[in-house]
Amino acid sequence: TPDQVRPDGAILSYPVISARPELGMEPCYRTLLGPGPIPPELS
């Protein structure tokens, strides 16, 4: 169930966040996803 995995806090250190091309993380997303469109929720 979602409640079994829900975090009570999140700590993000210099995180990759956005798939927008101008922010330069295309290689990271391609490694994660392979070819094809990037699901919007992963930005």
ModelCIF file with pLDDT and N, C-alpha, C, O atoms, coordinates in Angstrom:
data_MODEL
#
_entry.id   MODEL 
#
_entity.id                         1 
_entity.type                       polymer 
_entity.pdbx_number_of_molecules   1 
#
_entity_poly.entity_id                      1 
_entity_poly.type                           'polypeptide(L)' 
_entity_poly.nstd_linkage                   no 
_entity_poly.nstd_monomer                   no 
_entity_poly.pdbx_seq_one_letter_code       TPDQVRPDGAILSYPVISARPELGMEPCYRTLLGPGPIPPELS 
_entity_poly.pdbx_seq_one_letter_code_can   TPDQVRPDGAILSYPVISARPELGMEPCYRTLLGPGPIPPELS 
_entity_poly.pdbx_strand_id                 A 
#
loop_
_entity_poly_seq.entity_id 
_entity_poly_seq.num 
_entity_poly_seq.mon_id 
_entity_poly_seq.hetero 
1 1  THR n 
1 2  PRO n 
1 3  ASP n 
1 4  GLN n 
1 5  VAL n 
1 6  ARG n 
1 7  PRO n 
1 8  ASP n 
1 9  GLY n 
1 10 ALA n 
1 11 ILE n 
1 12 LEU n 
1 13 SER n 
1 14 TYR n 
1 15 PRO n 
1 16 VAL n 
1 17 ILE n 
1 18 SER n 
1 19 ALA n 
1 20 ARG n 
1 21 PRO n 
1 22 GLU n 
1 23 LEU n 
1 24 GLY n 
1 25 MET n 
1 26 GLU n 
1 27 PRO n 
1 28 CYS n 
1 29 TYR n 
1 30 ARG n 
1 31 THR n 
1 32 LEU n 
1 33 LEU n 
1 34 GLY n 
1 35 PRO n 
1 36 GLY n 
1 37 PRO n 
1 38 ILE n 
1 39 PRO n 
1 40 PRO n 
1 41 GLU n 
1 42 LEU n 
1 43 SER n 
#
_struct_asym.id          A 
_struct_asym.entity_id   1 
#
loop_
_ma_qa_metric.id 
_ma_qa_metric.mode 
_ma_qa_metric.name 
_ma_qa_metric.software_group_id 
_ma_qa_metric.type 
1 global pLDDT . pLDDT 
2 local  pLDDT . pLDDT 
#
_ma_qa_metric_global.metric_id      1 
_ma_qa_metric_global.metric_value   96.00 
_ma_qa_metric_global.model_id       1 
_ma_qa_metric_global.ordinal_id     1 
#
loop_
_ma_qa_metric_local.label_asym_id 
_ma_qa_metric_local.label_comp_id 
_ma_qa_metric_local.label_seq_id 
_ma_qa_metric_local.metric_id 
_ma_qa_metric_local.metric_value 
_ma_qa_metric_local.model_id 
_ma_qa_metric_local.ordinal_id 
A THR 1  2 97.00 1 1  
A PRO 2  2 96.00 1 2  
A ASP 3  2 96.00 1 3  
A GLN 4  2 97.00 1 4  
A VAL 5  2 98.00 1 5  
A ARG 6  2 98.00 1 6  
A PRO 7  2 98.00 1 7  
A ASP 8  2 98.00 1 8  
A GLY 9  2 98.00 1 9  
A ALA 10 2 99.00 1 10 
A ILE 11 2 99.00 1 11 
A LEU 12 2 99.00 1 12 
A SER 13 2 98.00 1 13 
A TYR 14 2 98.00 1 14 
A PRO 15 2 98.00 1 15 
A VAL 16 2 98.00 1 16 
A ILE 17 2 98.00 1 17 
A SER 18 2 98.00 1 18 
A ALA 19 2 96.00 1 19 
A ARG 20 2 95.00 1 20 
A PRO 21 2 94.00 1 21 
A GLU 22 2 94.00 1 22 
A LEU 23 2 93.00 1 23 
A GLY 24 2 92.00 1 24 
A MET 25 2 95.00 1 25 
A GLU 26 2 94.00 1 26 
A PRO 27 2 95.00 1 27 
A CYS 28 2 97.00 1 28 
A TYR 29 2 97.00 1 29 
A ARG 30 2 96.00 1 30 
A THR 31 2 97.00 1 31 
A LEU 32 2 97.00 1 32 
A LEU 33 2 96.00 1 33 
A GLY 34 2 90.00 1 34 
A PRO 35 2 88.00 1 35 
A GLY 36 2 87.00 1 36 
A PRO 37 2 93.00 1 37 
A ILE 38 2 95.00 1 38 
A PRO 39 2 96.00 1 39 
A PRO 40 2 96.00 1 40 
A GLU 41 2 98.00 1 41 
A LEU 42 2 98.00 1 42 
A SER 43 2 98.00 1 43 
#
loop_
_atom_site.group_PDB 
_atom_site.id 
_atom_site.type_symbol 
_atom_site.label_atom_id 
_atom_site.label_alt_id 
_atom_site.label_comp_id 
_atom_site.label_asym_id 
_atom_site.label_entity_id 
_atom_site.label_seq_id 
_atom_site.pdbx_PDB_ins_code 
_atom_site.Cartn_x 
_atom_site.Cartn_y 
_atom_site.Cartn_z 
_atom_site.occupancy 
_atom_site.B_iso_or_equiv 
_atom_site.pdbx_formal_charge 
_atom_site.auth_seq_id 
_atom_site.auth_comp_id 
_atom_site.auth_asym_id 
_atom_site.auth_atom_id 
_atom_site.pdbx_PDB_model_num 
ATOM 1   N N  . THR A 1 1  ? 0.846  -1.188 0.000   1.00 97.00 ? 1  THR A N  1 
ATOM 2   C CA . THR A 1 1  ? 0.000  0.000  0.000   1.00 97.00 ? 1  THR A CA 1 
ATOM 3   C C  . THR A 1 1  ? 0.882  1.239  0.000   1.00 97.00 ? 1  THR A C  1 
ATOM 4   O O  . THR A 1 1  ? 2.024  1.180  0.456   1.00 97.00 ? 1  THR A O  1 
ATOM 5   N N  . PRO A 1 2  ? 0.376  2.357  -0.502  1.00 96.00 ? 2  PRO A N  1 
ATOM 6   C CA . PRO A 1 2  ? 1.186  3.577  -0.475  1.00 96.00 ? 2  PRO A CA 1 
ATOM 7   C C  . PRO A 1 2  ? 1.693  3.934  0.916   1.00 96.00 ? 2  PRO A C  1 
ATOM 8   O O  . PRO A 1 2  ? 2.826  4.396  1.056   1.00 96.00 ? 2  PRO A O  1 
ATOM 9   N N  . ASP A 1 3  ? 0.878  3.729  1.945   1.00 96.00 ? 3  ASP A N  1 
ATOM 10  C CA . ASP A 1 3  ? 1.300  4.095  3.298   1.00 96.00 ? 3  ASP A CA 1 
ATOM 11  C C  . ASP A 1 3  ? 2.475  3.270  3.785   1.00 96.00 ? 3  ASP A C  1 
ATOM 12  O O  . ASP A 1 3  ? 3.185  3.691  4.698   1.00 96.00 ? 3  ASP A O  1 
ATOM 13  N N  . GLN A 1 4  ? 2.695  2.107  3.197   1.00 97.00 ? 4  GLN A N  1 
ATOM 14  C CA . GLN A 1 4  ? 3.830  1.286  3.616   1.00 97.00 ? 4  GLN A CA 1 
ATOM 15  C C  . GLN A 1 4  ? 5.161  1.848  3.122   1.00 97.00 ? 4  GLN A C  1 
ATOM 16  O O  . GLN A 1 4  ? 6.210  1.514  3.675   1.00 97.00 ? 4  GLN A O  1 
ATOM 17  N N  . VAL A 1 5  ? 5.137  2.688  2.099   1.00 98.00 ? 5  VAL A N  1 
ATOM 18  C CA . VAL A 1 5  ? 6.385  3.231  1.554   1.00 98.00 ? 5  VAL A CA 1 
ATOM 19  C C  . VAL A 1 5  ? 6.484  4.746  1.720   1.00 98.00 ? 5  VAL A C  1 
ATOM 20  O O  . VAL A 1 5  ? 7.509  5.335  1.375   1.00 98.00 ? 5  VAL A O  1 
ATOM 21  N N  . ARG A 1 6  ? 5.454  5.376  2.232   1.00 98.00 ? 6  ARG A N  1 
ATOM 22  C CA . ARG A 1 6  ? 5.418  6.835  2.343   1.00 98.00 ? 6  ARG A CA 1 
ATOM 23  C C  . ARG A 1 6  ? 6.514  7.344  3.279   1.00 98.00 ? 6  ARG A C  1 
ATOM 24  O O  . ARG A 1 6  ? 6.575  6.917  4.432   1.00 98.00 ? 6  ARG A O  1 
ATOM 25  N N  . PRO A 1 7  ? 7.382  8.246  2.810   1.00 98.00 ? 7  PRO A N  1 
ATOM 26  C CA . PRO A 1 7  ? 8.392  8.833  3.705   1.00 98.00 ? 7  PRO A CA 1 
ATOM 27  C C  . PRO A 1 7  ? 7.794  9.934  4.578   1.00 98.00 ? 7  PRO A C  1 
ATOM 28  O O  . PRO A 1 7  ? 6.861  10.626 4.172   1.00 98.00 ? 7  PRO A O  1 
ATOM 29  N N  . ASP A 1 8  ? 8.343  10.083 5.776   1.00 98.00 ? 8  ASP A N  1 
ATOM 30  C CA . ASP A 1 8  ? 7.943  11.167 6.676   1.00 98.00 ? 8  ASP A CA 1 
ATOM 31  C C  . ASP A 1 8  ? 8.783  12.422 6.457   1.00 98.00 ? 8  ASP A C  1 
ATOM 32  O O  . ASP A 1 8  ? 8.455  13.490 6.975   1.00 98.00 ? 8  ASP A O  1 
ATOM 33  N N  . GLY A 1 9  ? 9.852  12.294 5.701   1.00 98.00 ? 9  GLY A N  1 
ATOM 34  C CA . GLY A 1 9  ? 10.714 13.428 5.374   1.00 98.00 ? 9  GLY A CA 1 
ATOM 35  C C  . GLY A 1 9  ? 11.553 13.076 4.165   1.00 98.00 ? 9  GLY A C  1 
ATOM 36  O O  . GLY A 1 9  ? 11.739 11.898 3.858   1.00 98.00 ? 9  GLY A O  1 
ATOM 37  N N  . ALA A 1 10 ? 12.063 14.083 3.477   1.00 99.00 ? 10 ALA A N  1 
ATOM 38  C CA . ALA A 1 10 ? 12.936 13.884 2.322   1.00 99.00 ? 10 ALA A CA 1 
ATOM 39  C C  . ALA A 1 10 ? 14.122 14.827 2.427   1.00 99.00 ? 10 ALA A C  1 
ATOM 40  O O  . ALA A 1 10 ? 13.976 15.987 2.810   1.00 99.00 ? 10 ALA A O  1 
ATOM 41  N N  . ILE A 1 11 ? 15.298 14.319 2.082   1.00 99.00 ? 11 ILE A N  1 
ATOM 42  C CA . ILE A 1 11 ? 16.543 15.082 2.126   1.00 99.00 ? 11 ILE A CA 1 
ATOM 43  C C  . ILE A 1 11 ? 17.182 14.961 0.748   1.00 99.00 ? 11 ILE A C  1 
ATOM 44  O O  . ILE A 1 11 ? 17.622 13.879 0.360   1.00 99.00 ? 11 ILE A O  1 
ATOM 45  N N  . LEU A 1 12 ? 17.234 16.058 0.013   1.00 99.00 ? 12 LEU A N  1 
ATOM 46  C CA . LEU A 1 12 ? 17.737 16.031 -1.354  1.00 99.00 ? 12 LEU A CA 1 
ATOM 47  C C  . LEU A 1 12 ? 18.998 16.888 -1.446  1.00 99.00 ? 12 LEU A C  1 
ATOM 48  O O  . LEU A 1 12 ? 18.965 18.099 -1.232  1.00 99.00 ? 12 LEU A O  1 
ATOM 49  N N  . SER A 1 13 ? 20.098 16.231 -1.767  1.00 98.00 ? 13 SER A N  1 
ATOM 50  C CA . SER A 1 13 ? 21.404 16.883 -1.839  1.00 98.00 ? 13 SER A CA 1 
ATOM 51  C C  . SER A 1 13 ? 21.813 17.049 -3.296  1.00 98.00 ? 13 SER A C  1 
ATOM 52  O O  . SER A 1 13 ? 21.964 16.066 -4.021  1.00 98.00 ? 13 SER A O  1 
ATOM 53  N N  . TYR A 1 14 ? 21.992 18.308 -3.726  1.00 98.00 ? 14 TYR A N  1 
ATOM 54  C CA . TYR A 1 14 ? 22.300 18.666 -5.124  1.00 98.00 ? 14 TYR A CA 1 
ATOM 55  C C  . TYR A 1 14 ? 21.608 17.700 -6.098  1.00 98.00 ? 14 TYR A C  1 
ATOM 56  O O  . TYR A 1 14 ? 22.271 17.052 -6.907  1.00 98.00 ? 14 TYR A O  1 
ATOM 57  N N  . PRO A 1 15 ? 20.266 17.609 -6.015  1.00 98.00 ? 15 PRO A N  1 
ATOM 58  C CA . PRO A 1 15 ? 19.552 16.582 -6.763  1.00 98.00 ? 15 PRO A CA 1 
ATOM 59  C C  . PRO A 1 15 ? 19.331 16.913 -8.232  1.00 98.00 ? 15 PRO A C  1 
ATOM 60  O O  . PRO A 1 15 ? 19.198 18.080 -8.602  1.00 98.00 ? 15 PRO A O  1 
ATOM 61  N N  . VAL A 1 16 ? 19.293 15.879 -9.066  1.00 98.00 ? 16 VAL A N  1 
ATOM 62  C CA . VAL A 1 16 ? 18.734 15.986 -10.405 1.00 98.00 ? 16 VAL A CA 1 
ATOM 63  C C  . VAL A 1 16 ? 17.217 16.072 -10.242 1.00 98.00 ? 16 VAL A C  1 
ATOM 64  O O  . VAL A 1 16 ? 16.608 15.200 -9.623  1.00 98.00 ? 16 VAL A O  1 
ATOM 65  N N  . ILE A 1 17 ? 16.615 17.107 -10.789 1.00 98.00 ? 17 ILE A N  1 
ATOM 66  C CA . ILE A 1 17 ? 15.174 17.325 -10.639 1.00 98.00 ? 17 ILE A CA 1 
ATOM 67  C C  . ILE A 1 17 ? 14.466 17.400 -11.979 1.00 98.00 ? 17 ILE A C  1 
ATOM 68  O O  . ILE A 1 17 ? 13.447 16.739 -12.183 1.00 98.00 ? 17 ILE A O  1 
ATOM 69  N N  . SER A 1 18 ? 14.989 18.189 -12.882 1.00 98.00 ? 18 SER A N  1 
ATOM 70  C CA . SER A 1 18 ? 14.231 18.599 -14.070 1.00 98.00 ? 18 SER A CA 1 
ATOM 71  C C  . SER A 1 18 ? 14.762 17.962 -15.346 1.00 98.00 ? 18 SER A C  1 
ATOM 72  O O  . SER A 1 18 ? 15.970 17.829 -15.542 1.00 98.00 ? 18 SER A O  1 
ATOM 73  N N  . ALA A 1 19 ? 13.814 17.567 -16.221 1.00 96.00 ? 19 ALA A N  1 
ATOM 74  C CA . ALA A 1 19 ? 14.175 17.048 -17.541 1.00 96.00 ? 19 ALA A CA 1 
ATOM 75  C C  . ALA A 1 19 ? 14.226 18.141 -18.599 1.00 96.00 ? 19 ALA A C  1 
ATOM 76  O O  . ALA A 1 19 ? 14.443 17.843 -19.773 1.00 96.00 ? 19 ALA A O  1 
ATOM 77  N N  . ARG A 1 20 ? 14.031 19.394 -18.216 1.00 95.00 ? 20 ARG A N  1 
ATOM 78  C CA . ARG A 1 20 ? 14.058 20.471 -19.207 1.00 95.00 ? 20 ARG A CA 1 
ATOM 79  C C  . ARG A 1 20 ? 15.432 20.531 -19.881 1.00 95.00 ? 20 ARG A C  1 
ATOM 80  O O  . ARG A 1 20 ? 16.449 20.540 -19.188 1.00 95.00 ? 20 ARG A O  1 
ATOM 81  N N  . PRO A 1 21 ? 15.484 20.573 -21.209 1.00 94.00 ? 21 PRO A N  1 
ATOM 82  C CA . PRO A 1 21 ? 16.760 20.469 -21.922 1.00 94.00 ? 21 PRO A CA 1 
ATOM 83  C C  . PRO A 1 21 ? 17.791 21.507 -21.492 1.00 94.00 ? 21 PRO A C  1 
ATOM 84  O O  . PRO A 1 21 ? 18.987 21.220 -21.443 1.00 94.00 ? 21 PRO A O  1 
ATOM 85  N N  . GLU A 1 22 ? 17.323 22.717 -21.179 1.00 94.00 ? 22 GLU A N  1 
ATOM 86  C CA . GLU A 1 22 ? 18.281 23.773 -20.831 1.00 94.00 ? 22 GLU A CA 1 
ATOM 87  C C  . GLU A 1 22 ? 19.006 23.518 -19.523 1.00 94.00 ? 22 GLU A C  1 
ATOM 88  O O  . GLU A 1 22 ? 19.990 24.196 -19.224 1.00 94.00 ? 22 GLU A O  1 
ATOM 89  N N  . LEU A 1 23 ? 18.539 22.547 -18.730 1.00 93.00 ? 23 LEU A N  1 
ATOM 90  C CA . LEU A 1 23 ? 19.183 22.248 -17.455 1.00 93.00 ? 23 LEU A CA 1 
ATOM 91  C C  . LEU A 1 23 ? 20.149 21.072 -17.537 1.00 93.00 ? 23 LEU A C  1 
ATOM 92  O O  . LEU A 1 23 ? 20.735 20.681 -16.527 1.00 93.00 ? 23 LEU A O  1 
ATOM 93  N N  . GLY A 1 24 ? 20.321 20.503 -18.731 1.00 92.00 ? 24 GLY A N  1 
ATOM 94  C CA . GLY A 1 24 ? 21.473 19.666 -19.012 1.00 92.00 ? 24 GLY A CA 1 
ATOM 95  C C  . GLY A 1 24 ? 21.501 18.257 -18.478 1.00 92.00 ? 24 GLY A C  1 
ATOM 96  O O  . GLY A 1 24 ? 22.583 17.676 -18.383 1.00 92.00 ? 24 GLY A O  1 
ATOM 97  N N  . MET A 1 25 ? 20.358 17.665 -18.119 1.00 95.00 ? 25 MET A N  1 
ATOM 98  C CA . MET A 1 25 ? 20.384 16.333 -17.527 1.00 95.00 ? 25 MET A CA 1 
ATOM 99  C C  . MET A 1 25 ? 19.901 15.236 -18.469 1.00 95.00 ? 25 MET A C  1 
ATOM 100 O O  . MET A 1 25 ? 19.544 14.147 -18.018 1.00 95.00 ? 25 MET A O  1 
ATOM 101 N N  . GLU A 1 26 ? 19.885 15.510 -19.771 1.00 94.00 ? 26 GLU A N  1 
ATOM 102 C CA . GLU A 1 26 ? 19.441 14.516 -20.742 1.00 94.00 ? 26 GLU A CA 1 
ATOM 103 C C  . GLU A 1 26 ? 20.197 13.185 -20.611 1.00 94.00 ? 26 GLU A C  1 
ATOM 104 O O  . GLU A 1 26 ? 19.550 12.138 -20.634 1.00 94.00 ? 26 GLU A O  1 
ATOM 105 N N  . PRO A 1 27 ? 21.534 13.170 -20.474 1.00 95.00 ? 27 PRO A N  1 
ATOM 106 C CA . PRO A 1 27 ? 22.224 11.877 -20.348 1.00 95.00 ? 27 PRO A CA 1 
ATOM 107 C C  . PRO A 1 27 ? 21.775 11.068 -19.135 1.00 95.00 ? 27 PRO A C  1 
ATOM 108 O O  . PRO A 1 27 ? 21.651 9.846  -19.219 1.00 95.00 ? 27 PRO A O  1 
ATOM 109 N N  . CYS A 1 28 ? 21.533 11.728 -18.024 1.00 97.00 ? 28 CYS A N  1 
ATOM 110 C CA . CYS A 1 28 ? 21.082 11.032 -16.819 1.00 97.00 ? 28 CYS A CA 1 
ATOM 111 C C  . CYS A 1 28 ? 19.713 10.395 -17.051 1.00 97.00 ? 28 CYS A C  1 
ATOM 112 O O  . CYS A 1 28 ? 19.483 9.245  -16.679 1.00 97.00 ? 28 CYS A O  1 
ATOM 113 N N  . TYR A 1 29 ? 18.806 11.158 -17.671 1.00 97.00 ? 29 TYR A N  1 
ATOM 114 C CA . TYR A 1 29 ? 17.476 10.620 -17.940 1.00 97.00 ? 29 TYR A CA 1 
ATOM 115 C C  . TYR A 1 29 ? 17.531 9.489  -18.956 1.00 97.00 ? 29 TYR A C  1 
ATOM 116 O O  . TYR A 1 29 ? 16.772 8.526  -18.836 1.00 97.00 ? 29 TYR A O  1 
ATOM 117 N N  . ARG A 1 30 ? 18.399 9.576  -19.944 1.00 96.00 ? 30 ARG A N  1 
ATOM 118 C CA . ARG A 1 30 ? 18.518 8.507  -20.925 1.00 96.00 ? 30 ARG A CA 1 
ATOM 119 C C  . ARG A 1 30 ? 19.060 7.231  -20.276 1.00 96.00 ? 30 ARG A C  1 
ATOM 120 O O  . ARG A 1 30 ? 18.622 6.133  -20.621 1.00 96.00 ? 30 ARG A O  1 
ATOM 121 N N  . THR A 1 31 ? 19.995 7.361  -19.352 1.00 97.00 ? 31 THR A N  1 
ATOM 122 C CA . THR A 1 31 ? 20.495 6.195  -18.636 1.00 97.00 ? 31 THR A CA 1 
ATOM 123 C C  . THR A 1 31 ? 19.382 5.550  -17.824 1.00 97.00 ? 31 THR A C  1 
ATOM 124 O O  . THR A 1 31 ? 19.275 4.325  -17.767 1.00 97.00 ? 31 THR A O  1 
ATOM 125 N N  . LEU A 1 32 ? 18.551 6.383  -17.195 1.00 97.00 ? 32 LEU A N  1 
ATOM 126 C CA . LEU A 1 32 ? 17.448 5.864  -16.393 1.00 97.00 ? 32 LEU A CA 1 
ATOM 127 C C  . LEU A 1 32 ? 16.362 5.221  -17.239 1.00 97.00 ? 32 LEU A C  1 
ATOM 128 O O  . LEU A 1 32 ? 15.813 4.187  -16.858 1.00 97.00 ? 32 LEU A O  1 
ATOM 129 N N  . LEU A 1 33 ? 16.045 5.820  -18.385 1.00 96.00 ? 33 LEU A N  1 
ATOM 130 C CA . LEU A 1 33 ? 14.847 5.450  -19.135 1.00 96.00 ? 33 LEU A CA 1 
ATOM 131 C C  . LEU A 1 33 ? 15.105 4.705  -20.433 1.00 96.00 ? 33 LEU A C  1 
ATOM 132 O O  . LEU A 1 33 ? 14.220 4.001  -20.919 1.00 96.00 ? 33 LEU A O  1 
ATOM 133 N N  . GLY A 1 34 ? 16.297 4.842  -21.009 1.00 90.00 ? 34 GLY A N  1 
ATOM 134 C CA . GLY A 1 34 ? 16.497 4.363  -22.351 1.00 90.00 ? 34 GLY A CA 1 
ATOM 135 C C  . GLY A 1 34 ? 15.872 5.326  -23.346 1.00 90.00 ? 34 GLY A C  1 
ATOM 136 O O  . GLY A 1 34 ? 15.546 6.459  -22.993 1.00 90.00 ? 34 GLY A O  1 
ATOM 137 N N  . PRO A 1 35 ? 15.700 4.881  -24.605 1.00 88.00 ? 35 PRO A N  1 
ATOM 138 C CA . PRO A 1 35 ? 15.099 5.773  -25.620 1.00 88.00 ? 35 PRO A CA 1 
ATOM 139 C C  . PRO A 1 35 ? 13.613 5.968  -25.359 1.00 88.00 ? 35 PRO A C  1 
ATOM 140 O O  . PRO A 1 35 ? 12.977 5.202  -24.635 1.00 88.00 ? 35 PRO A O  1 
ATOM 141 N N  . GLY A 1 36 ? 13.087 7.013  -25.969 1.00 87.00 ? 36 GLY A N  1 
ATOM 142 C CA . GLY A 1 36 ? 11.660 7.268  -25.839 1.00 87.00 ? 36 GLY A CA 1 
ATOM 143 C C  . GLY A 1 36 ? 11.386 8.515  -25.021 1.00 87.00 ? 36 GLY A C  1 
ATOM 144 O O  . GLY A 1 36 ? 12.306 9.135  -24.489 1.00 87.00 ? 36 GLY A O  1 
ATOM 145 N N  . PRO A 1 37 ? 10.109 8.879  -24.923 1.00 93.00 ? 37 PRO A N  1 
ATOM 146 C CA . PRO A 1 37 ? 9.746  10.103 -24.203 1.00 93.00 ? 37 PRO A CA 1 
ATOM 147 C C  . PRO A 1 37 ? 9.979  9.974  -22.702 1.00 93.00 ? 37 PRO A C  1 
ATOM 148 O O  . PRO A 1 37 ? 9.937  8.877  -22.146 1.00 93.00 ? 37 PRO A O  1 
ATOM 149 N N  . ILE A 1 38 ? 10.219 11.091 -22.067 1.00 95.00 ? 38 ILE A N  1 
ATOM 150 C CA . ILE A 1 38 ? 10.397 11.138 -20.616 1.00 95.00 ? 38 ILE A CA 1 
ATOM 151 C C  . ILE A 1 38 ? 9.022  11.338 -19.978 1.00 95.00 ? 38 ILE A C  1 
ATOM 152 O O  . ILE A 1 38 ? 8.352  12.328 -20.272 1.00 95.00 ? 38 ILE A O  1 
ATOM 153 N N  . PRO A 1 39 ? 8.587  10.420 -19.112 1.00 96.00 ? 39 PRO A N  1 
ATOM 154 C CA . PRO A 1 39 ? 7.297  10.620 -18.441 1.00 96.00 ? 39 PRO A CA 1 
ATOM 155 C C  . PRO A 1 39 ? 7.288  11.943 -17.688 1.00 96.00 ? 39 PRO A C  1 
ATOM 156 O O  . PRO A 1 39 ? 8.243  12.242 -16.969 1.00 96.00 ? 39 PRO A O  1 
ATOM 157 N N  . PRO A 1 40 ? 6.248  12.735 -17.831 1.00 96.00 ? 40 PRO A N  1 
ATOM 158 C CA . PRO A 1 40 ? 6.228  14.067 -17.215 1.00 96.00 ? 40 PRO A CA 1 
ATOM 159 C C  . PRO A 1 40 ? 6.485  14.041 -15.715 1.00 96.00 ? 40 PRO A C  1 
ATOM 160 O O  . PRO A 1 40 ? 7.125  14.950 -15.187 1.00 96.00 ? 40 PRO A O  1 
ATOM 161 N N  . GLU A 1 41 ? 5.994  13.010 -15.014 1.00 98.00 ? 41 GLU A N  1 
ATOM 162 C CA . GLU A 1 41 ? 6.141  12.982 -13.560 1.00 98.00 ? 41 GLU A CA 1 
ATOM 163 C C  . GLU A 1 41 ? 7.586  12.790 -13.114 1.00 98.00 ? 41 GLU A C  1 
ATOM 164 O O  . GLU A 1 41 ? 7.904  13.026 -11.948 1.00 98.00 ? 41 GLU A O  1 
ATOM 165 N N  . LEU A 1 42 ? 8.474  12.364 -14.025 1.00 98.00 ? 42 LEU A N  1 
ATOM 166 C CA . LEU A 1 42 ? 9.874  12.176 -13.650 1.00 98.00 ? 42 LEU A CA 1 
ATOM 167 C C  . LEU A 1 42 ? 10.685 13.458 -13.766 1.00 98.00 ? 42 LEU A C  1 
ATOM 168 O O  . LEU A 1 42 ? 11.838 13.501 -13.339 1.00 98.00 ? 42 LEU A O  1 
ATOM 169 N N  . SER A 1 43 ? 10.097 14.499 -14.336 1.00 98.00 ? 43 SER A N  1 
ATOM 170 C CA . SER A 1 43 ? 10.638 15.845 -14.178 1.00 98.00 ? 43 SER A CA 1 
ATOM 171 C C  . SER A 1 43 ? 9.999  16.368 -12.905 1.00 98.00 ? 43 SER A C  1 
ATOM 172 O O  . SER A 1 43 ? 10.264 17.500 -12.501 1.00 98.00 ? 43 SER A O  1 
#
